[in-house]
C-alpha atoms as a PDB file:
ATOM      1  CA  MET A   1     -26.233  -4.093  12.868  1.00  0.00           C
ATOM      2  CA  ASP A   2     -23.310  -6.168  11.611  1.00  0.00           C
ATOM      3  CA  LYS A   3     -22.556  -9.532  13.162  1.00  0.00           C
ATOM      4  CA  LEU A   4     -19.375  -9.999  15.119  1.00  0.00           C
ATOM      5  CA  TYR A   5     -17.363 -13.102  14.323  1.00  0.00           C
ATOM      6  CA  ILE A   6     -15.077 -14.318  17.098  1.00  0.00           C
ATOM      7  CA  CYS A   7     -12.254 -16.875  17.005  1.00  0.00           C
ATOM      8  CA  ARG A   8     -13.137 -19.888  19.130  1.00  0.00           C
ATOM      9  CA  ASN A   9      -9.500 -20.453  20.001  1.00  0.00           C
ATOM     10  CA  CYS A  10      -8.316 -17.003  21.170  1.00  0.00           C
ATOM     11  CA  GLN A  11     -11.517 -14.876  21.221  1.00  0.00           C
ATOM     12  CA  TYR A  12     -10.146 -12.466  18.598  1.00  0.00           C
ATOM     13  CA  VAL A  13     -12.899 -10.366  16.981  1.00  0.00           C
ATOM     14  CA  PHE A  14     -12.564 -10.541  13.204  1.00  0.00           C
ATOM     15  CA  PRO A  15     -12.384  -7.127  11.480  1.00  0.00           C
ATOM     16  CA  LYS A  16     -15.031  -5.934   9.029  1.00  0.00           C
ATOM     17  CA  GLU A  17     -13.027  -7.002   5.952  1.00  0.00           C
ATOM     18  CA  LEU A  18     -12.761 -10.583   7.171  1.00  0.00           C
ATOM     19  CA  SER A  19     -16.386 -10.572   8.330  1.00  0.00           C
ATOM     20  CA  GLU A  20     -17.428  -9.779   4.763  1.00  0.00           C
ATOM     21  CA  LEU A  21     -15.419 -12.770   3.524  1.00  0.00           C
ATOM     22  CA  ILE A  22     -17.039 -14.972   6.163  1.00  0.00           C
ATOM     23  CA  LYS A  23     -20.493 -13.810   5.006  1.00  0.00           C
ATOM     24  CA  SER A  24     -19.568 -14.768   1.439  1.00  0.00           C
ATOM     25  CA  GLU A  25     -18.527 -18.223   2.770  1.00  0.00           C
ATOM     26  CA  THR A  26     -14.830 -17.773   2.000  1.00  0.00           C
ATOM     27  CA  GLN A  27     -12.444 -19.520   4.380  1.00  0.00           C
ATOM     28  CA  VAL A  28     -10.565 -17.072   6.603  1.00  0.00           C
ATOM     29  CA  TYR A  29      -7.986 -17.578   9.304  1.00  0.00           C
ATOM     30  CA  CYS A  30      -7.586 -15.812  12.624  1.00  0.00           C
ATOM     31  CA  GLU A  31      -5.005 -13.046  12.387  1.00  0.00           C
ATOM     32  CA  MET A  32      -3.913 -13.661  15.974  1.00  0.00           C
ATOM     33  CA  CYS A  33      -3.577 -17.436  16.265  1.00  0.00           C
ATOM     34  CA  GLY A  34      -3.948 -18.715  12.682  1.00  0.00           C
ATOM     35  CA  THR A  35      -6.909 -20.997  13.425  1.00  0.00           C
ATOM     36  CA  PRO A  36      -9.306 -21.453  10.492  1.00  0.00           C
ATOM     37  CA  PHE A  37     -12.672 -19.873  11.236  1.00  0.00           C
ATOM     38  CA  SER A  38     -15.510 -22.375  11.488  1.00  0.00           C
ATOM     39  CA  LEU A  39     -19.241 -21.851  11.662  1.00  0.00           C
ATOM     40  CA  SER A  40     -21.655 -24.713  12.222  1.00  0.00           C
ATOM     41  CA  GLY A  41     -23.634 -25.646   9.131  1.00  0.00           C
ATOM     42  CA  VAL A  42     -21.426 -23.677   6.755  1.00  0.00           C
ATOM     43  CA  SER A  43     -18.816 -25.203   4.485  1.00  0.00           C
ATOM     44  CA  PHE A  44     -16.330 -22.553   3.480  1.00  0.00           C
ATOM     45  CA  ARG A  45     -14.612 -22.454   0.102  1.00  0.00           C
ATOM     46  CA  GLN A  46     -10.939 -21.661  -0.258  1.00  0.00           C
ATOM     47  CA  ALA A  47     -10.102 -18.164  -1.430  1.00  0.00           C
ATOM     48  CA  THR A  48      -8.889 -17.959  -4.988  1.00  0.00           C
ATOM     49  CA  VAL A  49      -5.409 -16.625  -5.559  1.00  0.00           C
ATOM     50  CA  ARG A  50      -5.038 -14.695  -8.776  1.00  0.00           C
ATOM     51  CA  GLU A  51      -1.978 -15.103 -10.917  1.00  0.00           C
ATOM     52  CA  PRO A  52      -0.361 -11.777 -11.696  1.00  0.00           C
ATOM     53  CA  GLY A  53      -1.703 -10.597 -15.043  1.00  0.00           C
ATOM     54  CA  ARG A  54       1.179  -8.375 -15.942  1.00  0.00           C
ATOM     55  CA  THR A  55       4.696  -7.897 -14.737  1.00  0.00           C
ATOM     56  CA  ILE A  56       5.112  -5.160 -12.200  1.00  0.00           C
ATOM     57  CA  HIS A  57       8.178  -3.097 -12.964  1.00  0.00           C
ATOM     58  CA  LYS A  58      10.604  -2.473 -10.178  1.00  0.00           C
ATOM     59  CA  PRO A  59      10.452   1.214  -9.253  1.00  0.00           C
ATOM     60  CA  SER A  60      13.541   3.265  -9.888  1.00  0.00           C
ATOM     61  CA  LYS A  61      15.530   4.928  -7.127  1.00  0.00           C
ATOM     62  CA  TYR A  62      13.171   7.891  -6.817  1.00  0.00           C
ATOM     63  CA  GLY A  63       9.938   6.062  -7.647  1.00  0.00           C
ATOM     64  CA  LYS A  64       9.810   7.735 -11.058  1.00  0.00           C
ATOM     65  CA  THR A  65      10.559   6.437 -14.506  1.00  0.00           C
ATOM     66  CA  ASP A  66      13.882   7.417 -16.024  1.00  0.00           C
ATOM     67  CA  LYS A  67      12.210   9.924 -18.341  1.00  0.00           C
ATOM     68  CA  GLU A  68      10.325  11.593 -15.488  1.00  0.00           C
ATOM     69  CA  ARG A  69      13.401  11.594 -13.287  1.00  0.00           C
ATOM     70  CA  SER A  70      15.558  13.221 -15.961  1.00  0.00           C
ATOM     71  CA  SER A  71      12.968  16.005 -16.324  1.00  0.00           C
ATOM     72  CA  LEU A  72      12.894  16.414 -12.573  1.00  0.00           C
ATOM     73  CA  GLU A  73      16.682  16.524 -12.366  1.00  0.00           C
ATOM     74  CA  LYS A  74      16.795  19.158 -15.140  1.00  0.00           C
ATOM     75  CA  ALA A  75      14.276  21.285 -13.272  1.00  0.00           C
ATOM     76  CA  ILE A  76      16.287  20.996 -10.043  1.00  0.00           C
ATOM     77  CA  LYS A  77      19.500  21.995 -11.834  1.00  0.00           C
ATOM     78  CA  ASN A  78      17.764  25.008 -13.390  1.00  0.00           C
ATOM     79  CA  LEU A  79      16.366  26.053 -10.008  1.00  0.00           C
ATOM     80  CA  ASN A  80      19.824  25.732  -8.459  1.00  0.00           C
ATOM     81  CA  LYS A  81      21.305  27.944 -11.216  1.00  0.00           C
ATOM     82  CA  LEU A  82      18.564  30.525 -10.673  1.00  0.00           C
ATOM     83  CA  SER A  83      19.121  30.437  -6.927  1.00  0.00           C
ATOM     84  CA  ASN A  84      22.862  31.013  -7.380  1.00  0.00           C
ATOM     85  CA  LEU A  85      22.206  33.938  -9.745  1.00  0.00           C
ATOM     86  CA  ILE A  86      19.863  35.523  -7.204  1.00  0.00           C
ATOM     87  CA  LYS A  87      22.409  35.038  -4.394  1.00  0.00           C
ATOM     88  CA  ASN A  88      25.133  36.666  -6.496  1.00  0.00           C
ATOM     89  CA  GLU A  89      22.824  39.588  -7.390  1.00  0.00           C
ATOM     90  CA  VAL A  90      21.979  40.138  -3.711  1.00  0.00           C
ATOM     91  CA  LYS A  91      25.694  40.140  -2.807  1.00  0.00           C
ATOM     92  CA  LEU A  92      26.439  42.727  -5.512  1.00  0.00           C
ATOM     93  CA  ASN A  93      23.600  44.979  -4.341  1.00  0.00           C
ATOM     94  CA  LYS A  94      24.879  44.904  -0.733  1.00  0.00           C
ATOM     95  CA  LYS A  95      28.313  46.200  -1.788  1.00  0.00           C
END
């Protein structure tokens, strides 16, 4: 059974993800009150913050790259043309 870790300040029960960090002796903070978690006899190390390895490109308006979006837009235009042709054919058959 997993141990429950509880904030001494506000009695918040730390979730599983934070409990795993506590077990690996990484300093965590209470999500409710911001108090650093402390456990007698354990000295916690600060979590390492990784520098971004590569630049993340800002997504375009539709979340697709320009090339993908242009293909999508072409497909939509072709479907619209086909839809209009079918509508016109149906109208002619009704007459």
